[in-house]
Amino acid sequence: MRFRAELGERLRKFSLDLHADKTRLIEFGRFAAERRARKGQGKAETFNFLGFTHICGQARSGRFLLIRHSSRRRRRAKLREVRDEIMRRRHLSIKKQGLWLGAVVRGYLNYHAIPTNIHAIQQFRKQVTRHLASSASAS
């Protein structure tokens, strides 16, 4: 709570504010599950930050593990954008389409390819391939 108050003061120096609807204190981290279990509150909360959903998890060894998955909302938005751009570029040669699409997928992977996020990466790649195949059949 002290950190939040000091952060608010620091941001005000730059004429910025914390968004009341988007800023909240949650119990998160290594001991969050134990504390919440003692209180009878269930699993630790998750939060979205920088395009990832952050989740308290457990490794196979039983130790705390920070799980980060690509935010579903952001992934869907990017897929929609890629699909629309694939449709706009159908008139280009396959080589040019491939160069563009390769750059887009590499860029997405460079940011999102982190441990614990393999499922989201596979889904993104699968959907991009599906969109590309459906655009080829629509031509």
C-alpha atoms as a PDB file:
ATOM      1  CA  MET A   1       0.000   0.000   0.000  1.00  0.00           C
ATOM      2  CA  ARG A   2       2.907   2.319   0.777  1.00  0.00           C
ATOM      3  CA  PHE A   3       4.421   1.615  -2.651  1.00  0.00           C
ATOM      4  CA  ARG A   4       1.128   2.438  -4.365  1.00  0.00           C
ATOM      5  CA  ALA A   5       0.851   5.731  -2.480  1.00  0.00           C
ATOM      6  CA  GLU A   6       4.443   6.697  -3.305  1.00  0.00           C
ATOM      7  CA  LEU A   7       3.998   5.683  -6.942  1.00  0.00           C
ATOM      8  CA  GLY A   8       0.930   7.919  -7.159  1.00  0.00           C
ATOM      9  CA  GLU A   9       2.922  10.832  -5.733  1.00  0.00           C
ATOM     10  CA  ARG A  10       5.777  10.194  -8.155  1.00  0.00           C
ATOM     11  CA  LEU A  11       3.447  10.090 -11.158  1.00  0.00           C
ATOM     12  CA  ARG A  12       1.742  13.347 -10.101  1.00  0.00           C
ATOM     13  CA  LYS A  13       5.134  15.092 -10.400  1.00  0.00           C
ATOM     14  CA  PHE A  14       4.891  14.328 -14.133  1.00  0.00           C
ATOM     15  CA  SER A  15       1.179  15.274 -14.334  1.00  0.00           C
ATOM     16  CA  LEU A  16       0.169  11.589 -14.534  1.00  0.00           C
ATOM     17  CA  ASP A  17      -2.337   9.567 -12.510  1.00  0.00           C
ATOM     18  CA  LEU A  18      -2.972   5.920 -11.780  1.00  0.00           C
ATOM     19  CA  HIS A  19      -6.187   4.784 -13.472  1.00  0.00           C
ATOM     20  CA  ALA A  20      -8.569   3.877 -10.629  1.00  0.00           C
ATOM     21  CA  ASP A  21     -10.292   1.082 -12.589  1.00  0.00           C
ATOM     22  CA  LYS A  22      -7.047  -0.485 -13.769  1.00  0.00           C
ATOM     23  CA  THR A  23      -4.982  -0.180 -10.591  1.00  0.00           C
ATOM     24  CA  ARG A  24      -5.657  -2.457  -7.662  1.00  0.00           C
ATOM     25  CA  LEU A  25      -3.786  -4.289  -4.961  1.00  0.00           C
ATOM     26  CA  ILE A  26      -3.855  -8.063  -5.258  1.00  0.00           C
ATOM     27  CA  GLU A  27      -2.216 -10.846  -3.333  1.00  0.00           C
ATOM     28  CA  PHE A  28       0.300 -12.302  -5.745  1.00  0.00           C
ATOM     29  CA  GLY A  29       3.571 -14.180  -5.507  1.00  0.00           C
ATOM     30  CA  ARG A  30       5.199 -17.136  -3.869  1.00  0.00           C
ATOM     31  CA  PHE A  31       3.060 -17.184  -0.730  1.00  0.00           C
ATOM     32  CA  ALA A  32      -0.212 -15.848  -2.178  1.00  0.00           C
ATOM     33  CA  ALA A  33      -1.779 -19.303  -2.612  1.00  0.00           C
ATOM     34  CA  GLU A  34      -1.009 -20.297   0.985  1.00  0.00           C
ATOM     35  CA  ARG A  35      -2.330 -17.029   2.414  1.00  0.00           C
ATOM     36  CA  ARG A  36      -5.500 -17.155   0.350  1.00  0.00           C
ATOM     37  CA  ALA A  37      -6.068 -20.815   1.278  1.00  0.00           C
ATOM     38  CA  ARG A  38      -5.833 -19.909   4.972  1.00  0.00           C
ATOM     39  CA  LYS A  39      -8.449 -17.200   4.430  1.00  0.00           C
ATOM     40  CA  GLY A  40     -10.625 -19.568   2.359  1.00  0.00           C
ATOM     41  CA  GLN A  41     -10.392 -17.334  -0.730  1.00  0.00           C
ATOM     42  CA  GLY A  42      -9.348 -19.885  -3.372  1.00  0.00           C
ATOM     43  CA  LYS A  43      -6.731 -19.374  -6.080  1.00  0.00           C
ATOM     44  CA  ALA A  44      -4.565 -16.263  -6.355  1.00  0.00           C
ATOM     45  CA  GLU A  45      -5.846 -13.589  -8.729  1.00  0.00           C
ATOM     46  CA  THR A  46      -4.379 -13.016 -12.153  1.00  0.00           C
ATOM     47  CA  PHE A  47      -3.607  -9.734 -13.863  1.00  0.00           C
ATOM     48  CA  ASN A  48      -2.836  -8.488 -17.362  1.00  0.00           C
ATOM     49  CA  PHE A  49       0.281  -6.419 -17.960  1.00  0.00           C
ATOM     50  CA  LEU A  50       2.284  -5.681 -21.120  1.00  0.00           C
ATOM     51  CA  GLY A  51       0.266  -8.126 -23.231  1.00  0.00           C
ATOM     52  CA  PHE A  52       0.551 -11.065 -20.838  1.00  0.00           C
ATOM     53  CA  THR A  53      -1.756 -12.585 -18.262  1.00  0.00           C
ATOM     54  CA  HIS A  54       0.321 -13.240 -15.133  1.00  0.00           C
ATOM     55  CA  ILE A  55      -0.678 -16.277 -13.061  1.00  0.00           C
ATOM     56  CA  CYS A  56       0.654 -17.766  -9.823  1.00  0.00           C
ATOM     57  CA  GLY A  57       1.502 -21.393 -10.527  1.00  0.00           C
ATOM     58  CA  GLN A  58       3.534 -24.331  -9.382  1.00  0.00           C
ATOM     59  CA  ALA A  59       6.421 -26.074 -11.081  1.00  0.00           C
ATOM     60  CA  ARG A  60       6.515 -29.872 -11.160  1.00  0.00           C
ATOM     61  CA  SER A  61       8.884 -29.726  -8.199  1.00  0.00           C
ATOM     62  CA  GLY A  62       6.224 -27.879  -6.190  1.00  0.00           C
ATOM     63  CA  ARG A  63       8.059 -24.553  -6.162  1.00  0.00           C
ATOM     64  CA  PHE A  64       6.397 -21.249  -7.093  1.00  0.00           C
ATOM     65  CA  LEU A  65       6.282 -20.528 -10.807  1.00  0.00           C
ATOM     66  CA  LEU A  66       5.234 -17.289 -12.489  1.00  0.00           C
ATOM     67  CA  ILE A  67       3.136 -18.338 -15.459  1.00  0.00           C
ATOM     68  CA  ARG A  68       2.716 -15.826 -18.269  1.00  0.00           C
ATOM     69  CA  HIS A  69       0.348 -16.387 -21.166  1.00  0.00           C
ATOM     70  CA  SER A  70      -0.286 -14.011 -24.031  1.00  0.00           C
ATOM     71  CA  SER A  71      -3.361 -11.965 -23.252  1.00  0.00           C
ATOM     72  CA  ARG A  72      -6.281 -13.581 -25.076  1.00  0.00           C
ATOM     73  CA  ARG A  73      -7.788 -10.212 -26.010  1.00  0.00           C
ATOM     74  CA  ARG A  74      -4.521  -8.925 -27.479  1.00  0.00           C
ATOM     75  CA  ARG A  75      -3.864 -12.217 -29.348  1.00  0.00           C
ATOM     76  CA  ARG A  76      -7.307 -12.147 -30.944  1.00  0.00           C
ATOM     77  CA  ALA A  77      -6.866  -8.512 -31.963  1.00  0.00           C
ATOM     78  CA  LYS A  78      -3.507  -9.293 -33.588  1.00  0.00           C
ATOM     79  CA  LEU A  79      -4.964 -12.304 -35.418  1.00  0.00           C
ATOM     80  CA  ARG A  80      -7.817 -10.165 -36.717  1.00  0.00           C
ATOM     81  CA  GLU A  81      -5.306  -7.573 -37.917  1.00  0.00           C
ATOM     82  CA  VAL A  82      -3.164 -10.248 -39.624  1.00  0.00           C
ATOM     83  CA  ARG A  83      -6.215 -11.834 -41.285  1.00  0.00           C
ATOM     84  CA  ASP A  84      -7.376  -8.485 -42.673  1.00  0.00           C
ATOM     85  CA  GLU A  85      -3.883  -7.676 -43.959  1.00  0.00           C
ATOM     86  CA  ILE A  86      -3.568 -11.130 -45.580  1.00  0.00           C
ATOM     87  CA  MET A  87      -6.797 -10.415 -47.452  1.00  0.00           C
ATOM     88  CA  ARG A  88      -5.498  -6.993 -48.559  1.00  0.00           C
ATOM     89  CA  ARG A  89      -2.233  -8.525 -49.833  1.00  0.00           C
ATOM     90  CA  ARG A  90      -3.759 -11.387 -51.859  1.00  0.00           C
ATOM     91  CA  HIS A  91      -2.835  -9.672 -55.126  1.00  0.00           C
ATOM     92  CA  LEU A  92       0.895  -9.748 -54.287  1.00  0.00           C
ATOM     93  CA  SER A  93       3.215 -12.573 -55.300  1.00  0.00           C
ATOM     94  CA  ILE A  94       3.534 -15.520 -52.925  1.00  0.00           C
ATOM     95  CA  LYS A  95       7.147 -14.525 -52.253  1.00  0.00           C
ATOM     96  CA  LYS A  96       6.171 -11.005 -51.136  1.00  0.00           C
ATOM     97  CA  GLN A  97       3.314 -12.343 -49.029  1.00  0.00           C
ATOM     98  CA  GLY A  98       5.679 -14.836 -47.404  1.00  0.00           C
ATOM     99  CA  LEU A  99       8.309 -12.202 -46.641  1.00  0.00           C
ATOM    100  CA  TRP A 100       5.712  -9.949 -45.006  1.00  0.00           C
ATOM    101  CA  LEU A 101       4.026 -12.744 -43.071  1.00  0.00           C
ATOM    102  CA  GLY A 102       7.364 -14.164 -41.929  1.00  0.00           C
ATOM    103  CA  ALA A 103       8.339 -10.771 -40.514  1.00  0.00           C
ATOM    104  CA  VAL A 104       4.997 -10.454 -38.695  1.00  0.00           C
ATOM    105  CA  VAL A 105       5.192 -13.942 -37.162  1.00  0.00           C
ATOM    106  CA  ARG A 106       8.873 -13.484 -36.199  1.00  0.00           C
ATOM    107  CA  GLY A 107       8.037 -10.185 -34.516  1.00  0.00           C
ATOM    108  CA  TYR A 108       5.188 -11.776 -32.578  1.00  0.00           C
ATOM    109  CA  LEU A 109       7.399 -14.678 -31.527  1.00  0.00           C
ATOM    110  CA  ASN A 110      10.269 -12.391 -30.514  1.00  0.00           C
ATOM    111  CA  TYR A 111       7.995 -10.754 -27.961  1.00  0.00           C
ATOM    112  CA  HIS A 112       5.707 -13.606 -26.891  1.00  0.00           C
ATOM    113  CA  ALA A 113       7.971 -16.681 -27.028  1.00  0.00           C
ATOM    114  CA  ILE A 114       8.735 -17.012 -23.312  1.00  0.00           C
ATOM    115  CA  PRO A 115       8.669 -19.998 -20.970  1.00  0.00           C
ATOM    116  CA  THR A 116       5.121 -21.137 -20.026  1.00  0.00           C
ATOM    117  CA  ASN A 117       3.598 -19.549 -23.151  1.00  0.00           C
ATOM    118  CA  ILE A 118       4.039 -22.341 -25.709  1.00  0.00           C
ATOM    119  CA  HIS A 119       0.305 -23.068 -26.033  1.00  0.00           C
ATOM    120  CA  ALA A 120      -0.507 -19.467 -26.981  1.00  0.00           C
ATOM    121  CA  ILE A 121       2.344 -19.430 -29.513  1.00  0.00           C
ATOM    122  CA  GLN A 122       1.127 -22.662 -31.104  1.00  0.00           C
ATOM    123  CA  GLN A 123      -2.425 -21.306 -31.311  1.00  0.00           C
ATOM    124  CA  PHE A 124      -1.219 -18.073 -32.929  1.00  0.00           C
ATOM    125  CA  ARG A 125       0.800 -19.960 -35.540  1.00  0.00           C
ATOM    126  CA  LYS A 126      -2.079 -22.364 -36.232  1.00  0.00           C
ATOM    127  CA  GLN A 127      -4.548 -19.520 -36.717  1.00  0.00           C
ATOM    128  CA  VAL A 128      -2.201 -17.556 -39.000  1.00  0.00           C
ATOM    129  CA  THR A 129      -1.744 -20.689 -41.130  1.00  0.00           C
ATOM    130  CA  ARG A 130      -5.517 -21.175 -41.227  1.00  0.00           C
ATOM    131  CA  HIS A 131      -6.088 -17.554 -42.297  1.00  0.00           C
ATOM    132  CA  LEU A 132      -3.454 -17.889 -45.023  1.00  0.00           C
ATOM    133  CA  ALA A 133      -4.992 -21.111 -46.335  1.00  0.00           C
ATOM    134  CA  SER A 134      -8.499 -19.633 -46.362  1.00  0.00           C
ATOM    135  CA  SER A 135      -7.285 -16.567 -48.258  1.00  0.00           C
ATOM    136  CA  ALA A 136      -5.682 -18.836 -50.894  1.00  0.00           C
ATOM    137  CA  SER A 137      -8.928 -20.732 -51.377  1.00  0.00           C
ATOM    138  CA  ALA A 138     -10.891 -17.456 -51.593  1.00  0.00           C
ATOM    139  CA  SER A 139      -8.734 -16.198 -54.510  1.00  0.00           C
END
